[in-house]
PDB file of N, CA and C in Angstrom:
ATOM      1  N   MET A   1       0.841  -1.171   0.000  1.00  0.00           N
ATOM      2  CA  MET A   1       0.000   0.000   0.000  1.00  0.00           C
ATOM      3  C   MET A   1       0.888   1.235   0.000  1.00  0.00           C
ATOM      4  N   ASP A   2       0.397   2.268  -0.623  1.00  0.00           N
ATOM      5  CA  ASP A   2       1.035   3.575  -0.558  1.00  0.00           C
ATOM      6  C   ASP A   2       0.028   4.485   0.137  1.00  0.00           C
ATOM      7  N   VAL A   3       0.365   4.918   1.336  1.00  0.00           N
ATOM      8  CA  VAL A   3      -0.574   5.608   2.211  1.00  0.00           C
ATOM      9  C   VAL A   3      -0.208   7.081   2.348  1.00  0.00           C
ATOM     10  N   HIS A   4      -1.186   7.933   2.103  1.00  0.00           N
ATOM     11  CA  HIS A   4      -1.023   9.376   2.268  1.00  0.00           C
ATOM     12  C   HIS A   4      -2.215   9.905   3.054  1.00  0.00           C
ATOM     13  N   LEU A   5      -2.160  11.152   3.440  1.00  0.00           N
ATOM     14  CA  LEU A   5      -3.241  11.752   4.210  1.00  0.00           C
ATOM     15  C   LEU A   5      -4.549  11.780   3.419  1.00  0.00           C
ATOM     16  N   ARG A   6      -4.474  12.096   2.123  1.00  0.00           N
ATOM     17  CA  ARG A   6      -5.688  12.252   1.314  1.00  0.00           C
ATOM     18  C   ARG A   6      -6.006  11.071   0.400  1.00  0.00           C
ATOM     19  N   SER A   7      -5.115  10.081   0.348  1.00  0.00           N
ATOM     20  CA  SER A   7      -5.385   8.927  -0.514  1.00  0.00           C
ATOM     21  C   SER A   7      -4.591   7.712  -0.058  1.00  0.00           C
ATOM     22  N   THR A   8      -5.117   6.561  -0.430  1.00  0.00           N
ATOM     23  CA  THR A   8      -4.447   5.290  -0.181  1.00  0.00           C
ATOM     24  C   THR A   8      -4.522   4.496  -1.475  1.00  0.00           C
ATOM     25  N   THR A   9      -3.376   4.042  -1.966  1.00  0.00           N
ATOM     26  CA  THR A   9      -3.326   3.225  -3.172  1.00  0.00           C
ATOM     27  C   THR A   9      -2.924   1.816  -2.763  1.00  0.00           C
ATOM     28  N   VAL A  10      -3.728   0.838  -3.177  1.00  0.00           N
ATOM     29  CA  VAL A  10      -3.499  -0.547  -2.796  1.00  0.00           C
ATOM     30  C   VAL A  10      -3.296  -1.368  -4.060  1.00  0.00           C
ATOM     31  N   CYS A  11      -2.284  -2.225  -4.042  1.00  0.00           N
ATOM     32  CA  CYS A  11      -2.022  -3.136  -5.155  1.00  0.00           C
ATOM     33  C   CYS A  11      -2.182  -4.560  -4.645  1.00  0.00           C
ATOM     34  N   ALA A  12      -3.038  -5.329  -5.303  1.00  0.00           N
ATOM     35  CA  ALA A  12      -3.217  -6.741  -4.979  1.00  0.00           C
ATOM     36  C   ALA A  12      -2.495  -7.551  -6.048  1.00  0.00           C
ATOM     37  N   LEU A  13      -1.646  -8.473  -5.604  1.00  0.00           N
ATOM     38  CA  LEU A  13      -0.910  -9.333  -6.530  1.00  0.00           C
ATOM     39  C   LEU A  13      -1.357 -10.774  -6.357  1.00  0.00           C
ATOM     40  N   ASP A  14      -1.596 -11.447  -7.473  1.00  0.00           N
ATOM     41  CA  ASP A  14      -1.875 -12.874  -7.449  1.00  0.00           C
ATOM     42  C   ASP A  14      -0.533 -13.586  -7.313  1.00  0.00           C
ATOM     43  N   ALA A  15      -0.353 -14.349  -6.241  1.00  0.00           N
ATOM     44  CA  ALA A  15       0.928 -15.000  -5.969  1.00  0.00           C
ATOM     45  C   ALA A  15       1.318 -16.004  -7.048  1.00  0.00           C
ATOM     46  N   GLU A  16       0.336 -16.589  -7.735  1.00  0.00           N
ATOM     47  CA  GLU A  16       0.640 -17.594  -8.748  1.00  0.00           C
ATOM     48  C   GLU A  16       0.912 -16.988 -10.115  1.00  0.00           C
ATOM     49  N   THR A  17       0.103 -16.020 -10.529  1.00  0.00           N
ATOM     50  CA  THR A  17       0.233 -15.472 -11.882  1.00  0.00           C
ATOM     51  C   THR A  17       1.018 -14.169 -11.933  1.00  0.00           C
ATOM     52  N   GLY A  18       1.124 -13.486 -10.796  1.00  0.00           N
ATOM     53  CA  GLY A  18       1.792 -12.186 -10.780  1.00  0.00           C
ATOM     54  C   GLY A  18       0.908 -11.058 -11.273  1.00  0.00           C
ATOM     55  N   GLU A  19      -0.354 -11.371 -11.596  1.00  0.00           N
ATOM     56  CA  GLU A  19      -1.279 -10.339 -12.070  1.00  0.00           C
ATOM     57  C   GLU A  19      -1.516  -9.311 -10.967  1.00  0.00           C
ATOM     58  N   ALA A  20      -1.466  -8.041 -11.353  1.00  0.00           N
ATOM     59  CA  ALA A  20      -1.644  -6.953 -10.391  1.00  0.00           C
ATOM     60  C   ALA A  20      -2.953  -6.217 -10.647  1.00  0.00           C
ATOM     61  N   VAL A  21      -3.655  -5.909  -9.565  1.00  0.00           N
ATOM     62  CA  VAL A  21      -4.866  -5.093  -9.617  1.00  0.00           C
ATOM     63  C   VAL A  21      -4.653  -3.964  -8.615  1.00  0.00           C
ATOM     64  N   THR A  22      -4.777  -2.727  -9.088  1.00  0.00           N
ATOM     65  CA  THR A  22      -4.523  -1.577  -8.226  1.00  0.00           C
ATOM     66  C   THR A  22      -5.783  -0.735  -8.097  1.00  0.00           C
ATOM     67  N   ARG A  23      -5.998  -0.236  -6.887  1.00  0.00           N
ATOM     68  CA  ARG A  23      -7.141   0.650  -6.648  1.00  0.00           C
ATOM     69  C   ARG A  23      -6.705   1.794  -5.737  1.00  0.00           C
ATOM     70  N   ARG A  24      -7.191   2.972  -6.066  1.00  0.00           N
ATOM     71  CA  ARG A  24      -6.906   4.159  -5.259  1.00  0.00           C
ATOM     72  C   ARG A  24      -8.167   4.534  -4.482  1.00  0.00           C
ATOM     73  N   PHE A  25      -8.016   4.772  -3.200  1.00  0.00           N
ATOM     74  CA  PHE A  25      -9.108   5.166  -2.323  1.00  0.00           C
ATOM     75  C   PHE A  25      -8.896   6.612  -1.909  1.00  0.00           C
ATOM     76  N   ARG A  26      -9.983   7.378  -1.850  1.00  0.00           N
ATOM     77  CA  ARG A  26      -9.894   8.754  -1.349  1.00  0.00           C
ATOM     78  C   ARG A  26      -9.831   8.708   0.166  1.00  0.00           C
ATOM     79  N   GLY A  27      -8.890   9.420   0.718  1.00  0.00           N
ATOM     80  CA  GLY A  27      -8.732   9.423   2.164  1.00  0.00           C
ATOM     81  C   GLY A  27      -8.194   8.092   2.634  1.00  0.00           C
ATOM     82  N   ASN A  28      -8.595   7.716   3.814  1.00  0.00           N
ATOM     83  CA  ASN A  28      -8.125   6.469   4.409  1.00  0.00           C
ATOM     84  C   ASN A  28      -9.308   5.648   4.917  1.00  0.00           C
ATOM     85  N   PRO A  29     -10.150   5.157   4.004  1.00  0.00           N
ATOM     86  CA  PRO A  29     -11.329   4.389   4.409  1.00  0.00           C
ATOM     87  C   PRO A  29     -10.954   2.925   4.657  1.00  0.00           C
ATOM     88  N   TRP A  30     -10.397   2.655   5.825  1.00  0.00           N
ATOM     89  CA  TRP A  30      -9.831   1.326   6.068  1.00  0.00           C
ATOM     90  C   TRP A  30     -10.859   0.219   5.919  1.00  0.00           C
ATOM     91  N   GLY A  31     -12.114   0.477   6.260  1.00  0.00           N
ATOM     92  CA  GLY A  31     -13.155  -0.533   6.063  1.00  0.00           C
ATOM     93  C   GLY A  31     -13.329  -0.885   4.598  1.00  0.00           C
ATOM     94  N   GLU A  32     -13.312   0.123   3.726  1.00  0.00           N
ATOM     95  CA  GLU A  32     -13.417  -0.125   2.283  1.00  0.00           C
ATOM     96  C   GLU A  32     -12.195  -0.876   1.768  1.00  0.00           C
ATOM     97  N   VAL A  33     -11.020  -0.510   2.269  1.00  0.00           N
ATOM     98  CA  VAL A  33      -9.787  -1.193   1.852  1.00  0.00           C
ATOM     99  C   VAL A  33      -9.864  -2.662   2.241  1.00  0.00           C
ATOM    100  N   ALA A  34     -10.242  -2.948   3.484  1.00  0.00           N
ATOM    101  CA  ALA A  34     -10.336  -4.333   3.955  1.00  0.00           C
ATOM    102  C   ALA A  34     -11.373  -5.115   3.156  1.00  0.00           C
ATOM    103  N   GLU A  35     -12.510  -4.491   2.864  1.00  0.00           N
ATOM    104  CA  GLU A  35     -13.556  -5.161   2.088  1.00  0.00           C
ATOM    105  C   GLU A  35     -13.061  -5.476   0.681  1.00  0.00           C
ATOM    106  N   TRP A  36     -12.366  -4.517   0.043  1.00  0.00           N
ATOM    107  CA  TRP A  36     -11.833  -4.738  -1.301  1.00  0.00           C
ATOM    108  C   TRP A  36     -10.816  -5.877  -1.283  1.00  0.00           C
ATOM    109  N   MET A  37      -9.947  -5.877  -0.278  1.00  0.00           N
ATOM    110  CA  MET A  37      -8.928  -6.925  -0.190  1.00  0.00           C
ATOM    111  C   MET A  37      -9.544  -8.297   0.038  1.00  0.00           C
ATOM    112  N   SER A  38     -10.653  -8.359   0.760  1.00  0.00           N
ATOM    113  CA  SER A  38     -11.282  -9.653   1.047  1.00  0.00           C
ATOM    114  C   SER A  38     -11.910 -10.275  -0.196  1.00  0.00           C
ATOM    115  N   GLY A  39     -12.042  -9.510  -1.267  1.00  0.00           N
ATOM    116  CA  GLY A  39     -12.613 -10.024  -2.505  1.00  0.00           C
ATOM    117  C   GLY A  39     -11.653 -10.868  -3.329  1.00  0.00           C
ATOM    118  N   PHE A  40     -10.410 -10.972  -2.882  1.00  0.00           N
ATOM    119  CA  PHE A  40      -9.415 -11.772  -3.598  1.00  0.00           C
ATOM    120  C   PHE A  40      -9.216 -13.095  -2.875  1.00  0.00           C
ATOM    121  N   PRO A  41      -8.899 -14.162  -3.628  1.00  0.00           N
ATOM    122  CA  PRO A  41      -8.674 -15.456  -2.978  1.00  0.00           C
ATOM    123  C   PRO A  41      -7.376 -15.437  -2.166  1.00  0.00           C
ATOM    124  N   GLY A  42      -7.322 -16.289  -1.188  1.00  0.00           N
ATOM    125  CA  GLY A  42      -6.111 -16.405  -0.380  1.00  0.00           C
ATOM    126  C   GLY A  42      -6.069 -15.379   0.731  1.00  0.00           C
ATOM    127  N   PRO A  43      -5.024 -15.467   1.528  1.00  0.00           N
ATOM    128  CA  PRO A  43      -4.914 -14.528   2.656  1.00  0.00           C
ATOM    129  C   PRO A  43      -4.586 -13.114   2.185  1.00  0.00           C
ATOM    130  N   SER A  44      -5.093 -12.145   2.914  1.00  0.00           N
ATOM    131  CA  SER A  44      -4.790 -10.742   2.620  1.00  0.00           C
ATOM    132  C   SER A  44      -3.632 -10.298   3.497  1.00  0.00           C
ATOM    133  N   LEU A  45      -2.549  -9.912   2.863  1.00  0.00           N
ATOM    134  CA  LEU A  45      -1.388  -9.388   3.569  1.00  0.00           C
ATOM    135  C   LEU A  45      -1.169  -7.968   3.097  1.00  0.00           C
ATOM    136  N   ALA A  46      -0.951  -7.063   4.015  1.00  0.00           N
ATOM    137  CA  ALA A  46      -0.758  -5.664   3.650  1.00  0.00           C
ATOM    138  C   ALA A  46       0.474  -5.116   4.354  1.00  0.00           C
ATOM    139  N   ALA A  47       1.106  -4.151   3.697  1.00  0.00           N
ATOM    140  CA  ALA A  47       2.245  -3.456   4.299  1.00  0.00           C
ATOM    141  C   ALA A  47       2.284  -2.048   3.745  1.00  0.00           C
ATOM    142  N   TYR A  48       2.781  -1.145   4.552  1.00  0.00           N
ATOM    143  CA  TYR A  48       3.013   0.220   4.102  1.00  0.00           C
ATOM    144  C   TYR A  48       4.270   0.724   4.785  1.00  0.00           C
ATOM    145  N   GLU A  49       4.910   1.713   4.152  1.00  0.00           N
ATOM    146  CA  GLU A  49       6.139   2.261   4.707  1.00  0.00           C
ATOM    147  C   GLU A  49       5.832   3.130   5.914  1.00  0.00           C
ATOM    148  N   SER A  50       6.672   3.013   6.918  1.00  0.00           N
ATOM    149  CA  SER A  50       6.505   3.848   8.105  1.00  0.00           C
ATOM    150  C   SER A  50       6.561   5.311   7.687  1.00  0.00           C
ATOM    151  N   GLY A  51       5.783   6.128   8.351  1.00  0.00           N
ATOM    152  CA  GLY A  51       5.736   7.539   7.981  1.00  0.00           C
ATOM    153  C   GLY A  51       4.863   8.327   8.928  1.00  0.00           C
ATOM    154  N   TYR A  52       4.415   9.460   8.464  1.00  0.00           N
ATOM    155  CA  TYR A  52       3.721  10.406   9.335  1.00  0.00           C
ATOM    156  C   TYR A  52       2.346   9.936   9.810  1.00  0.00           C
ATOM    157  N   LEU A  53       1.729   8.959   9.143  1.00  0.00           N
ATOM    158  CA  LEU A  53       0.444   8.451   9.632  1.00  0.00           C
ATOM    159  C   LEU A  53       0.627   7.482  10.795  1.00  0.00           C
ATOM    160  N   GLY A  54       1.865   7.153  11.076  1.00  0.00           N
ATOM    161  CA  GLY A  54       2.162   6.312  12.230  1.00  0.00           C
ATOM    162  C   GLY A  54       1.584   4.920  12.115  1.00  0.00           C
ATOM    163  N   PHE A  55       1.019   4.468  13.230  1.00  0.00           N
ATOM    164  CA  PHE A  55       0.548   3.095  13.316  1.00  0.00           C
ATOM    165  C   PHE A  55      -0.963   2.959  13.158  1.00  0.00           C
ATOM    166  N   ALA A  56      -1.664   4.054  12.943  1.00  0.00           N
ATOM    167  CA  ALA A  56      -3.127   4.011  12.826  1.00  0.00           C
ATOM    168  C   ALA A  56      -3.604   3.084  11.706  1.00  0.00           C
ATOM    169  N   PRO A  57      -3.026   3.149  10.489  1.00  0.00           N
ATOM    170  CA  PRO A  57      -3.499   2.228   9.442  1.00  0.00           C
ATOM    171  C   PRO A  57      -3.322   0.761   9.837  1.00  0.00           C
ATOM    172  N   GLN A  58      -2.191   0.446  10.457  1.00  0.00           N
ATOM    173  CA  GLN A  58      -1.934  -0.936  10.875  1.00  0.00           C
ATOM    174  C   GLN A  58      -2.974  -1.386  11.893  1.00  0.00           C
ATOM    175  N   ARG A  59      -3.235  -0.557  12.865  1.00  0.00           N
ATOM    176  CA  ARG A  59      -4.206  -0.920  13.907  1.00  0.00           C
ATOM    177  C   ARG A  59      -5.615  -1.073  13.329  1.00  0.00           C
ATOM    178  N   GLU A  60      -5.996  -0.143  12.467  1.00  0.00           N
ATOM    179  CA  GLU A  60      -7.339  -0.197  11.867  1.00  0.00           C
ATOM    180  C   GLU A  60      -7.509  -1.455  11.020  1.00  0.00           C
ATOM    181  N   LEU A  61      -6.548  -1.716  10.124  1.00  0.00           N
ATOM    182  CA  LEU A  61      -6.662  -2.877   9.238  1.00  0.00           C
ATOM    183  C   LEU A  61      -6.582  -4.184  10.014  1.00  0.00           C
ATOM    184  N   SER A  62      -5.693  -4.263  10.992  1.00  0.00           N
ATOM    185  CA  SER A  62      -5.601  -5.479  11.807  1.00  0.00           C
ATOM    186  C   SER A  62      -6.913  -5.731  12.539  1.00  0.00           C
ATOM    187  N   GLY A  63      -7.538  -4.663  13.017  1.00  0.00           N
ATOM    188  CA  GLY A  63      -8.830  -4.789  13.684  1.00  0.00           C
ATOM    189  C   GLY A  63      -9.931  -5.274  12.755  1.00  0.00           C
ATOM    190  N   LEU A  64      -9.727  -5.091  11.456  1.00  0.00           N
ATOM    191  CA  LEU A  64     -10.700  -5.533  10.447  1.00  0.00           C
ATOM    192  C   LEU A  64     -10.331  -6.891   9.849  1.00  0.00           C
ATOM    193  N   GLY A  65      -9.305  -7.539  10.410  1.00  0.00           N
ATOM    194  CA  GLY A  65      -8.933  -8.879   9.966  1.00  0.00           C
ATOM    195  C   GLY A  65      -7.879  -8.949   8.883  1.00  0.00           C
ATOM    196  N   VAL A  66      -7.257  -7.826   8.546  1.00  0.00           N
ATOM    197  CA  VAL A  66      -6.205  -7.822   7.526  1.00  0.00           C
ATOM    198  C   VAL A  66      -4.853  -7.890   8.230  1.00  0.00           C
ATOM    199  N   ASP A  67      -4.039  -8.870   7.859  1.00  0.00           N
ATOM    200  CA  ASP A  67      -2.688  -8.977   8.403  1.00  0.00           C
ATOM    201  C   ASP A  67      -1.865  -7.841   7.807  1.00  0.00           C
ATOM    202  N   CYS A  68      -1.518  -6.858   8.617  1.00  0.00           N
ATOM    203  CA  CYS A  68      -0.856  -5.649   8.122  1.00  0.00           C
ATOM    204  C   CYS A  68       0.384  -5.346   8.948  1.00  0.00           C
ATOM    205  N   VAL A  69       1.473  -5.029   8.258  1.00  0.00           N
ATOM    206  CA  VAL A  69       2.706  -4.641   8.939  1.00  0.00           C
ATOM    207  C   VAL A  69       3.131  -3.259   8.477  1.00  0.00           C
ATOM    208  N   VAL A  70       3.882  -2.600   9.337  1.00  0.00           N
ATOM    209  CA  VAL A  70       4.495  -1.325   9.000  1.00  0.00           C
ATOM    210  C   VAL A  70       5.929  -1.654   8.610  1.00  0.00           C
ATOM    211  N   ALA A  71       6.301  -1.323   7.383  1.00  0.00           N
ATOM    212  CA  ALA A  71       7.625  -1.665   6.865  1.00  0.00           C
ATOM    213  C   ALA A  71       8.635  -0.578   7.199  1.00  0.00           C
ATOM    214  N   ALA A  72       9.824  -1.006   7.572  1.00  0.00           N
ATOM    215  CA  ALA A  72      10.913  -0.065   7.802  1.00  0.00           C
ATOM    216  C   ALA A  72      11.285   0.546   6.457  1.00  0.00           C
ATOM    217  N   VAL A  73      11.078   1.838   6.315  1.00  0.00           N
ATOM    218  CA  VAL A  73      11.255   2.510   5.028  1.00  0.00           C
ATOM    219  C   VAL A  73      12.674   2.331   4.487  1.00  0.00           C
ATOM    220  N   SER A  74      13.656   2.282   5.355  1.00  0.00           N
ATOM    221  CA  SER A  74      15.048   2.158   4.911  1.00  0.00           C
ATOM    222  C   SER A  74      15.393   0.754   4.444  1.00  0.00           C
ATOM    223  N   LYS A  75      14.516  -0.216   4.703  1.00  0.00           N
ATOM    224  CA  LYS A  75      14.805  -1.609   4.347  1.00  0.00           C
ATOM    225  C   LYS A  75      14.009  -2.118   3.152  1.00  0.00           C
ATOM    226  N   VAL A  76      13.116  -1.296   2.604  1.00  0.00           N
ATOM    227  CA  VAL A  76      12.311  -1.736   1.457  1.00  0.00           C
ATOM    228  C   VAL A  76      13.181  -1.679   0.208  1.00  0.00           C
ATOM    229  N   PRO A  77      13.295  -2.807  -0.520  1.00  0.00           N
ATOM    230  CA  PRO A  77      14.151  -2.822  -1.712  1.00  0.00           C
ATOM    231  C   PRO A  77      13.684  -1.827  -2.772  1.00  0.00           C
ATOM    232  N   ARG A  78      14.642  -1.118  -3.356  1.00  0.00           N
ATOM    233  CA  ARG A  78      14.358  -0.152  -4.431  1.00  0.00           C
ATOM    234  C   ARG A  78      15.409  -0.316  -5.519  1.00  0.00           C
ATOM    235  N   SER A  79      14.953  -0.234  -6.748  1.00  0.00           N
ATOM    236  CA  SER A  79      15.876  -0.263  -7.882  1.00  0.00           C
ATOM    237  C   SER A  79      15.975   1.144  -8.458  1.00  0.00           C
ATOM    238  N   ALA A  80      16.907   1.327  -9.370  1.00  0.00           N
ATOM    239  CA  ALA A  80      17.034   2.623 -10.043  1.00  0.00           C
ATOM    240  C   ALA A  80      15.749   2.945 -10.806  1.00  0.00           C
ATOM    241  N   ALA A  81      15.116   1.918 -11.377  1.00  0.00           N
ATOM    242  CA  ALA A  81      13.858   2.127 -12.102  1.00  0.00           C
ATOM    243  C   ALA A  81      12.760   2.606 -11.155  1.00  0.00           C
ATOM    244  N   ASP A  82      12.748   2.075  -9.921  1.00  0.00           N
ATOM    245  CA  ASP A  82      11.754   2.517  -8.939  1.00  0.00           C
ATOM    246  C   ASP A  82      11.901   4.000  -8.646  1.00  0.00           C
ATOM    247  N   LEU A  83      13.120   4.458  -8.553  1.00  0.00           N
ATOM    248  CA  LEU A  83      13.370   5.860  -8.228  1.00  0.00           C
ATOM    249  C   LEU A  83      13.021   6.787  -9.381  1.00  0.00           C
ATOM    250  N   SER A  84      13.183   6.304 -10.613  1.00  0.00           N
ATOM    251  CA  SER A  84      12.916   7.164 -11.771  1.00  0.00           C
ATOM    252  C   SER A  84      11.430   7.205 -12.147  1.00  0.00           C
ATOM    253  N   SER A  85      10.663   6.217 -11.707  1.00  0.00           N
ATOM    254  CA  SER A  85       9.227   6.193 -12.038  1.00  0.00           C
ATOM    255  C   SER A  85       8.398   6.158 -10.755  1.00  0.00           C
ATOM    256  N   LYS A  86       8.680   7.069  -9.869  1.00  0.00           N
ATOM    257  CA  LYS A  86       8.024   7.095  -8.563  1.00  0.00           C
ATOM    258  C   LYS A  86       6.632   7.725  -8.649  1.00  0.00           C
ATOM    259  N   ASN A  87       5.621   6.938  -8.344  1.00  0.00           N
ATOM    260  CA  ASN A  87       4.253   7.430  -8.196  1.00  0.00           C
ATOM    261  C   ASN A  87       3.514   6.469  -7.268  1.00  0.00           C
ATOM    262  N   ASP A  88       2.329   6.831  -6.856  1.00  0.00           N
ATOM    263  CA  ASP A  88       1.597   6.023  -5.876  1.00  0.00           C
ATOM    264  C   ASP A  88       1.351   4.601  -6.365  1.00  0.00           C
ATOM    265  N   ARG A  89       0.961   4.470  -7.626  1.00  0.00           N
ATOM    266  CA  ARG A  89       0.668   3.149  -8.196  1.00  0.00           C
ATOM    267  C   ARG A  89       1.912   2.257  -8.172  1.00  0.00           C
ATOM    268  N   ASN A  90       3.044   2.800  -8.621  1.00  0.00           N
ATOM    269  CA  ASN A  90       4.285   2.025  -8.636  1.00  0.00           C
ATOM    270  C   ASN A  90       4.767   1.713  -7.222  1.00  0.00           C
ATOM    271  N   ASP A  91       4.618   2.677  -6.308  1.00  0.00           N
ATOM    272  CA  ASP A  91       5.029   2.441  -4.925  1.00  0.00           C
ATOM    273  C   ASP A  91       4.198   1.330  -4.284  1.00  0.00           C
ATOM    274  N   ALA A  92       2.890   1.300  -4.556  1.00  0.00           N
ATOM    275  CA  ALA A  92       2.023   0.247  -4.022  1.00  0.00           C
ATOM    276  C   ALA A  92       2.406  -1.110  -4.616  1.00  0.00           C
ATOM    277  N   ALA A  93       2.711  -1.148  -5.910  1.00  0.00           N
ATOM    278  CA  ALA A  93       3.121  -2.399  -6.558  1.00  0.00           C
ATOM    279  C   ALA A  93       4.459  -2.885  -6.005  1.00  0.00           C
ATOM    280  N   ARG A  94       5.378  -1.962  -5.769  1.00  0.00           N
ATOM    281  CA  ARG A  94       6.686  -2.325  -5.208  1.00  0.00           C
ATOM    282  C   ARG A  94       6.511  -2.949  -3.824  1.00  0.00           C
ATOM    283  N   MET A  95       5.626  -2.373  -3.021  1.00  0.00           N
ATOM    284  CA  MET A  95       5.385  -2.917  -1.684  1.00  0.00           C
ATOM    285  C   MET A  95       4.735  -4.293  -1.770  1.00  0.00           C
ATOM    286  N   ALA A  96       3.789  -4.479  -2.693  1.00  0.00           N
ATOM    287  CA  ALA A  96       3.137  -5.783  -2.862  1.00  0.00           C
ATOM    288  C   ALA A  96       4.154  -6.844  -3.275  1.00  0.00           C
ATOM    289  N   LYS A  97       5.054  -6.493  -4.181  1.00  0.00           N
ATOM    290  CA  LYS A  97       6.100  -7.441  -4.602  1.00  0.00           C
ATOM    291  C   LYS A  97       7.035  -7.764  -3.452  1.00  0.00           C
ATOM    292  N   ALA A  98       7.341  -6.778  -2.633  1.00  0.00           N
ATOM    293  CA  ALA A  98       8.216  -7.005  -1.478  1.00  0.00           C
ATOM    294  C   ALA A  98       7.560  -7.962  -0.482  1.00  0.00           C
ATOM    295  N   ILE A  99       6.238  -7.848  -0.311  1.00  0.00           N
ATOM    296  CA  ILE A  99       5.530  -8.774   0.583  1.00  0.00           C
ATOM    297  C   ILE A  99       5.642 -10.197   0.051  1.00  0.00           C
ATOM    298  N   LEU A 100       5.371 -10.374  -1.247  1.00  0.00           N
ATOM    299  CA  LEU A 100       5.411 -11.719  -1.837  1.00  0.00           C
ATOM    300  C   LEU A 100       6.793 -12.348  -1.772  1.00  0.00           C
ATOM    301  N   SER A 101       7.830 -11.536  -1.888  1.00  0.00           N
ATOM    302  CA  SER A 101       9.194 -12.079  -1.866  1.00  0.00           C
ATOM    303  C   SER A 101       9.802 -12.065  -0.461  1.00  0.00           C
ATOM    304  N   HIS A 102       8.980 -11.764   0.538  1.00  0.00           N
ATOM    305  CA  HIS A 102       9.421 -11.738   1.942  1.00  0.00           C
ATOM    306  C   HIS A 102      10.565 -10.759   2.171  1.00  0.00           C
ATOM    307  N   ASP A 103      10.521  -9.626   1.474  1.00  0.00           N
ATOM    308  CA  ASP A 103      11.545  -8.586   1.601  1.00  0.00           C
ATOM    309  C   ASP A 103      11.074  -7.403   2.436  1.00  0.00           C
ATOM    310  N   VAL A 104      10.095  -7.615   3.290  1.00  0.00           N
ATOM    311  CA  VAL A 104       9.591  -6.536   4.139  1.00  0.00           C
ATOM    312  C   VAL A 104      10.127  -6.738   5.556  1.00  0.00           C
ATOM    313  N   THR A 105      10.803  -5.732   6.061  1.00  0.00           N
ATOM    314  CA  THR A 105      11.276  -5.756   7.444  1.00  0.00           C
ATOM    315  C   THR A 105      10.300  -4.929   8.279  1.00  0.00           C
ATOM    316  N   PRO A 106       9.495  -5.603   9.107  1.00  0.00           N
ATOM    317  CA  PRO A 106       8.497  -4.851   9.871  1.00  0.00           C
ATOM    318  C   PRO A 106       9.121  -4.104  11.045  1.00  0.00           C
ATOM    319  N   VAL A 107       8.516  -2.988  11.391  1.00  0.00           N
ATOM    320  CA  VAL A 107       8.910  -2.274  12.600  1.00  0.00           C
ATOM    321  C   VAL A 107       7.965  -2.712  13.717  1.00  0.00           C
ATOM    322  N   TRP A 108       8.415  -2.564  14.931  1.00  0.00           N
ATOM    323  CA  TRP A 108       7.604  -2.905  16.095  1.00  0.00           C
ATOM    324  C   TRP A 108       6.478  -1.896  16.230  1.00  0.00           C
ATOM    325  N   VAL A 109       5.269  -2.399  16.422  1.00  0.00           N
ATOM    326  CA  VAL A 109       4.105  -1.529  16.590  1.00  0.00           C
ATOM    327  C   VAL A 109       3.755  -1.506  18.079  1.00  0.00           C
ATOM    328  N   PRO A 110       3.967  -0.367  18.724  1.00  0.00           N
ATOM    329  CA  PRO A 110       3.659  -0.287  20.157  1.00  0.00           C
ATOM    330  C   PRO A 110       2.150  -0.238  20.392  1.00  0.00           C
ATOM    331  N   SER A 111       1.751  -0.598  21.587  1.00  0.00           N
ATOM    332  CA  SER A 111       0.338  -0.456  21.950  1.00  0.00           C
ATOM    333  C   SER A 111       0.014   1.033  21.979  1.00  0.00           C
ATOM    334  N   PRO A 112      -1.257   1.391  21.859  1.00  0.00           N
ATOM    335  CA  PRO A 112      -1.612   2.813  21.942  1.00  0.00           C
ATOM    336  C   PRO A 112      -1.133   3.458  23.254  1.00  0.00           C
ATOM    337  N   GLU A 113      -1.145   2.683  24.332  1.00  0.00           N
ATOM    338  CA  GLU A 113      -0.703   3.214  25.621  1.00  0.00           C
ATOM    339  C   GLU A 113       0.787   3.550  25.591  1.00  0.00           C
ATOM    340  N   ILE A 114       1.590   2.629  25.090  1.00  0.00           N
ATOM    341  CA  ILE A 114       3.038   2.867  25.011  1.00  0.00           C
ATOM    342  C   ILE A 114       3.334   3.993  24.037  1.00  0.00           C
ATOM    343  N   GLU A 115       2.615   4.035  22.932  1.00  0.00           N
ATOM    344  CA  GLU A 115       2.821   5.126  21.978  1.00  0.00           C
ATOM    345  C   GLU A 115       2.510   6.472  22.632  1.00  0.00           C
ATOM    346  N   GLY A 116       1.459   6.519  23.434  1.00  0.00           N
ATOM    347  CA  GLY A 116       1.116   7.746  24.145  1.00  0.00           C
ATOM    348  C   GLY A 116       2.210   8.170  25.110  1.00  0.00           C
ATOM    349  N   LEU A 117       2.792   7.199  25.811  1.00  0.00           N
ATOM    350  CA  LEU A 117       3.894   7.506  26.728  1.00  0.00           C
ATOM    351  C   LEU A 117       5.119   8.005  25.964  1.00  0.00           C
ATOM    352  N   ARG A 118       5.383   7.405  24.811  1.00  0.00           N
ATOM    353  CA  ARG A 118       6.513   7.866  23.984  1.00  0.00           C
ATOM    354  C   ARG A 118       6.286   9.293  23.519  1.00  0.00           C
ATOM    355  N   ASP A 119       5.067   9.591  23.096  1.00  0.00           N
ATOM    356  CA  ASP A 119       4.745  10.954  22.659  1.00  0.00           C
ATOM    357  C   ASP A 119       4.899  11.946  23.806  1.00  0.00           C
ATOM    358  N   LEU A 120       4.462  11.534  24.998  1.00  0.00           N
ATOM    359  CA  LEU A 120       4.572  12.400  26.169  1.00  0.00           C
ATOM    360  C   LEU A 120       6.038  12.661  26.513  1.00  0.00           C
ATOM    361  N   ALA A 121       6.854  11.607  26.475  1.00  0.00           N
ATOM    362  CA  ALA A 121       8.280  11.759  26.777  1.00  0.00           C
ATOM    363  C   ALA A 121       8.967  12.638  25.734  1.00  0.00           C
ATOM    364  N   ALA A 122       8.571  12.503  24.483  1.00  0.00           N
ATOM    365  CA  ALA A 122       9.184  13.303  23.416  1.00  0.00           C
ATOM    366  C   ALA A 122       8.803  14.773  23.531  1.00  0.00           C
ATOM    367  N   ALA A 123       7.648  15.049  24.124  1.00  0.00           N
ATOM    368  CA  ALA A 123       7.194  16.434  24.261  1.00  0.00           C
ATOM    369  C   ALA A 123       7.971  17.193  25.331  1.00  0.00           C
ATOM    370  N   HIS A 124       8.640  16.466  26.211  1.00  0.00           N
ATOM    371  CA  HIS A 124       9.399  17.130  27.288  1.00  0.00           C
ATOM    372  C   HIS A 124      10.770  17.499  26.864  1.00  0.00           C
TER     373      HIS A 124
END
């Protein structure tokens, strides 16, 4: 997934054929994303790069039954072609391919309570 404040782009890959289906959602309608993902056969696995939206997408999607991880942005494989053709659709496809090839390094997702304590400590 490529997640932004005003849009979320999701790429679904068929593990056997490699066929890609991409959909862009306005805003972050996690219920719609989970419903769309459930329309494909097999387990739904999702990942997005860590960033300013924090852990909210992971928590929302996990609560809706989607196995979702937050990927360490510095560990997601990128090629020169990825850098030259950077857009939401390509970024979502790159993340989907990384999931299938087990090239996603997840970051630890703290509980909301621990995250709140971290935010409080950082504010001091």
